[in-house]
Amino acid sequence: MPRFSYGSKSTKSPARSALHLQVANILREKIYKREWVSGQRIPSENELVKSFGISRGTVRKALAALIEEGLLKSIHGSGTFVEDHAISHPAGERPISFAKSLRKQGKRFTTLVQEKRLLDASAEVSAKLQIPLGDPAMFMRRIRLVDDEPVMCQEGFYSLRICPGIDAVDFTVESAFDAVQNCSGRKVQTSHMRYVARVAGKEHGDYLDVDATAPVLLLEQTILLNDGTPIEWSYTWFKAGQEIVGVATQEQ
């Protein structure tokens, strides 16, 4: 972790007064990037003090900010843990194809593939996709723009075991739903969805062209084929001003 320099002790600079926010930003990104996962105990205050080279009071302010956001929780005598309190959304049993939704609304949109790479499935990806640890999986980050304005950032993991060849698809012109069905030879049928309110954070704020403290809606989806096989585990970050309404049904 980076260490911070205070500069002259006699000068109270804006950077020094916001030091706990800088630390909070770094810790928040660790959660957003899933370096720290739900239920995980994070380093102790003493460890964070040593890692950053800052005061205990600054660390406590940073942790308090993330606890207030709902990203962390403190358990007396045990430590500080990554929170997981996203709520189930009863109106969305079926998967949502955002490309299809935008087309039906007559929206002109483009898709930018910001990142696409193969990786060995981590313990978390292995559990979500029900594939062996270290099995090949594809990670992809896409930015959707409507009228040239970014409105959502989609980050997903896909099993190459079930969808061979999905890594060769041109996702600027083909939707993930269509690609999954074409590569697997099966229909997408069900989605387990959870929604939670967040602030964007530095990285996703840049993707969506908003401030790091801007409110966003975060949707987690695990999408299953018609035989119950998980095929996609994804996060979609929505810029403010959008809504998800009613029941979304995938046509068979």
Protein backbone atom coordinates (compact mmCIF):
# COMPACT_ATOMS: atom_id res chain seq x y z
CA MET A 1 0.00 0.00 0.00
CA PRO A 2 1.23 3.56 -0.62
CA ARG A 3 2.72 5.62 2.17
CA PHE A 4 1.79 9.27 2.51
CA SER A 5 3.99 12.26 3.22
CA TYR A 6 2.48 15.03 5.29
CA GLY A 7 4.94 17.75 4.31
CA SER A 8 5.49 20.59 6.79
CA LYS A 9 3.70 20.01 10.11
CA SER A 10 3.07 23.75 10.43
CA THR A 11 1.02 23.89 7.24
CA LYS A 12 -2.44 22.38 7.10
CA SER A 13 -2.82 21.71 3.37
CA PRO A 14 -6.03 20.54 1.67
CA ALA A 15 -4.30 17.23 0.90
CA ARG A 16 -3.58 16.67 4.59
CA SER A 17 -7.11 17.52 5.69
CA ALA A 18 -8.47 14.98 3.18
CA LEU A 19 -5.93 12.26 3.94
CA HIS A 20 -8.51 9.90 5.41
CA LEU A 21 -10.55 10.24 2.20
CA GLN A 22 -7.51 9.25 0.14
CA VAL A 23 -7.08 6.17 2.31
CA ALA A 24 -10.81 5.40 2.08
CA ASN A 25 -10.59 5.59 -1.72
CA ILE A 26 -7.74 3.05 -1.80
CA LEU A 27 -9.55 0.64 0.52
CA ARG A 28 -12.82 1.06 -1.40
CA GLU A 29 -11.11 0.10 -4.65
CA LYS A 30 -9.80 -3.10 -3.03
CA ILE A 31 -13.41 -4.07 -2.32
CA TYR A 32 -14.67 -3.02 -5.75
CA LYS A 33 -11.89 -4.99 -7.46
CA ARG A 34 -12.72 -7.96 -5.18
CA GLU A 35 -9.23 -8.08 -3.75
CA TRP A 36 -11.19 -8.10 -0.49
CA VAL A 37 -14.35 -10.19 -0.75
CA SER A 38 -17.59 -10.34 1.24
CA GLY A 39 -17.08 -11.58 4.78
CA GLN A 40 -13.29 -11.21 4.67
CA ARG A 41 -11.50 -9.69 7.65
CA ILE A 42 -9.40 -6.75 6.48
CA PRO A 43 -6.02 -5.76 7.98
CA SER A 44 -6.13 -4.41 11.52
CA GLU A 45 -5.81 -0.72 12.37
CA ASN A 46 -2.20 -1.34 13.42
CA GLU A 47 -1.41 -3.03 10.10
CA LEU A 48 -3.02 -0.17 8.13
CA VAL A 49 -1.14 2.43 10.16
CA LYS A 50 2.14 0.70 9.32
CA SER A 51 1.23 0.10 5.66
CA PHE A 52 0.23 3.72 4.97
CA GLY A 53 2.59 5.43 7.40
CA ILE A 54 -0.24 7.51 8.87
CA SER A 55 -1.84 8.09 12.24
CA ARG A 56 -4.36 5.77 13.89
CA GLY A 57 -6.89 8.60 13.90
CA THR A 58 -6.66 8.93 10.10
CA VAL A 59 -7.13 5.18 9.67
CA ARG A 60 -10.17 5.21 11.94
CA LYS A 61 -11.74 8.08 9.98
CA ALA A 62 -11.19 6.20 6.71
CA LEU A 63 -12.75 3.02 8.12
CA ALA A 64 -15.64 4.98 9.59
CA ALA A 65 -16.38 6.48 6.16
CA LEU A 66 -16.55 3.02 4.57
CA ILE A 67 -18.65 1.65 7.42
CA GLU A 68 -21.08 4.53 6.87
CA GLU A 69 -21.22 3.65 3.14
CA GLY A 70 -22.08 0.08 4.08
CA LEU A 71 -18.91 -1.44 2.61
CA LEU A 72 -17.40 -2.48 5.94
CA LYS A 73 -18.69 -3.59 9.32
CA SER A 74 -16.89 -3.62 12.65
CA ILE A 75 -17.38 -6.53 15.04
CA HIS A 76 -16.21 -5.83 18.57
CA GLY A 77 -13.36 -8.11 19.56
CA SER A 78 -13.07 -9.62 16.08
CA GLY A 79 -12.06 -6.82 13.71
CA THR A 80 -13.39 -5.11 10.59
CA PHE A 81 -14.96 -7.13 7.79
CA VAL A 82 -16.18 -6.55 4.25
CA GLU A 83 -19.96 -6.15 4.46
CA ASP A 84 -22.41 -7.99 2.25
CA HIS A 85 -25.91 -6.62 2.64
CA ALA A 86 -27.17 -6.35 -0.93
CA ILE A 87 -30.89 -7.10 -1.04
CA SER A 88 -32.71 -9.58 -3.25
CA HIS A 89 -34.94 -8.05 -5.92
CA PRO A 90 -38.15 -10.11 -6.22
CA ALA A 91 -39.21 -8.55 -9.54
CA GLY A 92 -36.36 -9.98 -11.58
CA GLU A 93 -36.23 -13.76 -11.66
CA ARG A 94 -35.36 -13.74 -15.37
CA PRO A 95 -32.09 -12.42 -16.85
CA ILE A 96 -31.88 -8.86 -18.07
CA SER A 97 -30.35 -8.23 -21.50
CA PHE A 98 -29.49 -4.55 -21.40
CA ALA A 99 -28.69 -4.49 -25.12
CA LYS A 100 -32.18 -5.80 -25.90
CA SER A 101 -33.74 -3.39 -23.38
CA LEU A 102 -32.01 -0.39 -24.95
CA ARG A 103 -33.04 -1.46 -28.45
CA LYS A 104 -36.68 -1.83 -27.39
CA GLN A 105 -36.57 1.71 -25.98
CA GLY A 106 -35.22 3.02 -29.27
CA LYS A 107 -31.97 4.16 -27.66
CA ARG A 108 -28.90 4.63 -29.84
CA PHE A 109 -26.07 2.96 -27.99
CA THR A 110 -22.54 1.75 -28.52
CA THR A 111 -20.50 -0.81 -26.62
CA LEU A 112 -16.83 -0.32 -25.80
CA VAL A 113 -14.86 -3.37 -24.69
CA GLN A 114 -12.53 -1.81 -22.16
CA GLU A 115 -10.88 -5.10 -21.17
CA LYS A 116 -11.14 -8.76 -22.19
CA ARG A 117 -8.70 -11.39 -21.00
CA LEU A 118 -8.38 -15.04 -20.05
CA LEU A 119 -7.53 -16.01 -16.49
CA ASP A 120 -7.38 -18.98 -14.16
CA ALA A 121 -10.55 -19.12 -12.08
CA SER A 122 -10.01 -17.80 -8.55
CA ALA A 123 -11.74 -19.42 -5.58
CA GLU A 124 -14.56 -16.88 -5.87
CA VAL A 125 -15.02 -17.31 -9.64
CA SER A 126 -14.82 -21.09 -9.22
CA ALA A 127 -17.61 -21.02 -6.63
CA LYS A 128 -19.84 -18.63 -8.59
CA LEU A 129 -19.51 -20.47 -11.93
CA GLN A 130 -19.23 -23.94 -10.36
CA ILE A 131 -16.05 -24.76 -12.27
CA PRO A 132 -12.78 -26.26 -10.97
CA LEU A 133 -10.32 -23.90 -9.32
CA GLY A 134 -7.86 -22.68 -11.96
CA ASP A 135 -10.17 -23.59 -14.87
CA PRO A 136 -9.96 -21.12 -17.79
CA ALA A 137 -12.42 -18.25 -17.55
CA MET A 138 -12.84 -15.00 -19.42
CA PHE A 139 -13.10 -11.62 -17.71
CA MET A 140 -14.63 -8.80 -19.69
CA ARG A 141 -15.38 -5.15 -18.90
CA ARG A 142 -17.73 -3.28 -21.23
CA ILE A 143 -18.87 0.34 -21.17
CA ARG A 144 -22.29 1.07 -22.66
CA LEU A 145 -22.84 4.55 -24.07
CA VAL A 146 -26.19 6.09 -24.98
CA ASP A 147 -25.93 9.15 -27.23
CA ASP A 148 -22.17 9.02 -26.63
CA GLU A 149 -22.58 9.26 -22.83
CA PRO A 150 -21.47 6.32 -20.65
CA VAL A 151 -24.46 4.98 -18.71
CA MET A 152 -23.31 1.59 -17.43
CA CYS A 153 -20.16 -0.42 -16.84
CA GLN A 154 -20.53 -4.20 -17.04
CA GLU A 155 -17.91 -6.58 -15.64
CA GLY A 156 -18.41 -10.30 -16.09
CA PHE A 157 -16.73 -13.69 -15.74
CA TYR A 158 -17.57 -16.48 -18.22
CA SER A 159 -16.73 -20.18 -18.23
CA LEU A 160 -14.78 -21.38 -21.27
CA ARG A 161 -15.57 -24.96 -20.27
CA ILE A 162 -19.27 -24.33 -21.00
CA CYS A 163 -18.80 -21.62 -23.65
CA PRO A 164 -15.80 -22.61 -25.78
CA GLY A 165 -14.85 -19.85 -28.19
CA ILE A 166 -16.57 -17.04 -26.31
CA ASP A 167 -13.22 -15.27 -25.97
CA ALA A 168 -13.13 -14.81 -29.77
CA VAL A 169 -16.51 -13.01 -29.97
CA ASP A 170 -16.65 -9.35 -31.03
CA PHE A 171 -18.70 -7.91 -28.17
CA THR A 172 -18.91 -4.48 -29.74
CA VAL A 173 -21.54 -5.92 -32.09
CA GLU A 174 -22.81 -9.06 -30.31
CA SER A 175 -24.50 -9.15 -26.90
CA ALA A 176 -23.20 -11.42 -24.15
CA PHE A 177 -26.59 -13.18 -24.07
CA ASP A 178 -26.40 -14.10 -27.75
CA ALA A 179 -22.74 -15.11 -27.45
CA VAL A 180 -23.42 -17.35 -24.44
CA GLN A 181 -26.30 -19.11 -26.20
CA ASN A 182 -24.39 -19.53 -29.46
CA CYS A 183 -21.23 -20.86 -27.79
CA SER A 184 -22.98 -23.16 -25.31
CA GLY A 185 -25.73 -24.35 -27.63
CA ARG A 186 -28.23 -23.79 -24.80
CA LYS A 187 -30.71 -21.12 -23.77
CA VAL A 188 -30.17 -18.54 -21.05
CA GLN A 189 -33.05 -18.89 -18.64
CA THR A 190 -32.60 -17.68 -15.06
CA SER A 191 -30.76 -14.95 -13.19
CA HIS A 192 -30.12 -14.50 -9.50
CA MET A 193 -29.92 -10.72 -8.98
CA ARG A 194 -28.97 -8.45 -6.11
CA TYR A 195 -28.95 -4.66 -6.02
CA VAL A 196 -27.11 -2.28 -3.71
CA ALA A 197 -26.52 1.49 -3.65
CA ARG A 198 -22.87 2.55 -3.76
CA VAL A 199 -20.65 5.52 -4.50
CA ALA A 200 -18.78 5.13 -7.77
CA GLY A 201 -15.21 5.13 -6.49
CA LYS A 202 -12.27 6.43 -8.51
CA GLU A 203 -11.98 3.67 -11.12
CA HIS A 204 -15.67 3.22 -11.91
CA GLY A 205 -16.21 6.97 -11.67
CA ASP A 206 -13.70 7.33 -14.51
CA TYR A 207 -15.48 4.66 -16.56
CA LEU A 208 -18.85 6.40 -16.10
CA ASP A 209 -17.47 9.95 -16.31
CA VAL A 210 -18.70 10.90 -12.84
CA ASP A 211 -17.05 11.96 -9.59
CA ALA A 212 -15.72 9.24 -7.29
CA THR A 213 -18.37 10.18 -4.72
CA ALA A 214 -21.29 10.06 -7.19
CA PRO A 215 -24.12 7.64 -6.33
CA VAL A 216 -24.49 4.55 -8.50
CA LEU A 217 -26.67 1.44 -8.50
CA LEU A 218 -24.71 -1.82 -8.49
CA LEU A 219 -26.34 -4.98 -9.83
CA GLU A 220 -24.81 -8.41 -9.26
CA GLN A 221 -26.11 -11.21 -11.50
CA THR A 222 -25.42 -14.91 -11.69
CA ILE A 223 -26.94 -16.13 -14.96
CA LEU A 224 -27.90 -19.76 -15.51
CA LEU A 225 -28.64 -21.80 -18.61
CA ASN A 226 -31.86 -23.79 -18.98
CA ASP A 227 -30.23 -26.83 -17.35
CA GLY A 228 -29.23 -24.79 -14.28
CA THR A 229 -25.57 -24.39 -15.24
CA PRO A 230 -24.09 -21.02 -14.17
CA ILE A 231 -22.59 -19.34 -17.20
CA GLU A 232 -21.99 -15.73 -16.20
CA TRP A 233 -21.22 -13.93 -12.96
CA SER A 234 -21.29 -10.19 -13.44
CA TYR A 235 -21.49 -6.75 -11.90
CA THR A 236 -23.20 -3.83 -13.65
CA TRP A 237 -22.61 -0.28 -12.44
CA PHE A 238 -25.41 2.12 -13.41
CA LYS A 239 -24.95 5.86 -13.54
CA ALA A 240 -27.64 7.78 -11.62
CA GLY A 241 -30.82 8.62 -13.52
CA GLN A 242 -31.68 5.06 -14.58
CA GLU A 243 -34.12 2.56 -13.14
CA ILE A 244 -34.96 -1.12 -13.39
CA VAL A 245 -38.70 -1.73 -13.46
CA GLY A 246 -41.00 -4.73 -13.52
CA VAL A 247 -40.25 -8.30 -14.53
CA ALA A 248 -37.63 -9.00 -17.20
CA THR A 249 -38.27 -12.15 -19.21
CA GLN A 250 -35.90 -13.82 -21.62
CA GLU A 251 -37.72 -14.99 -24.74
CA GLN A 252 -37.41 -18.74 -25.37
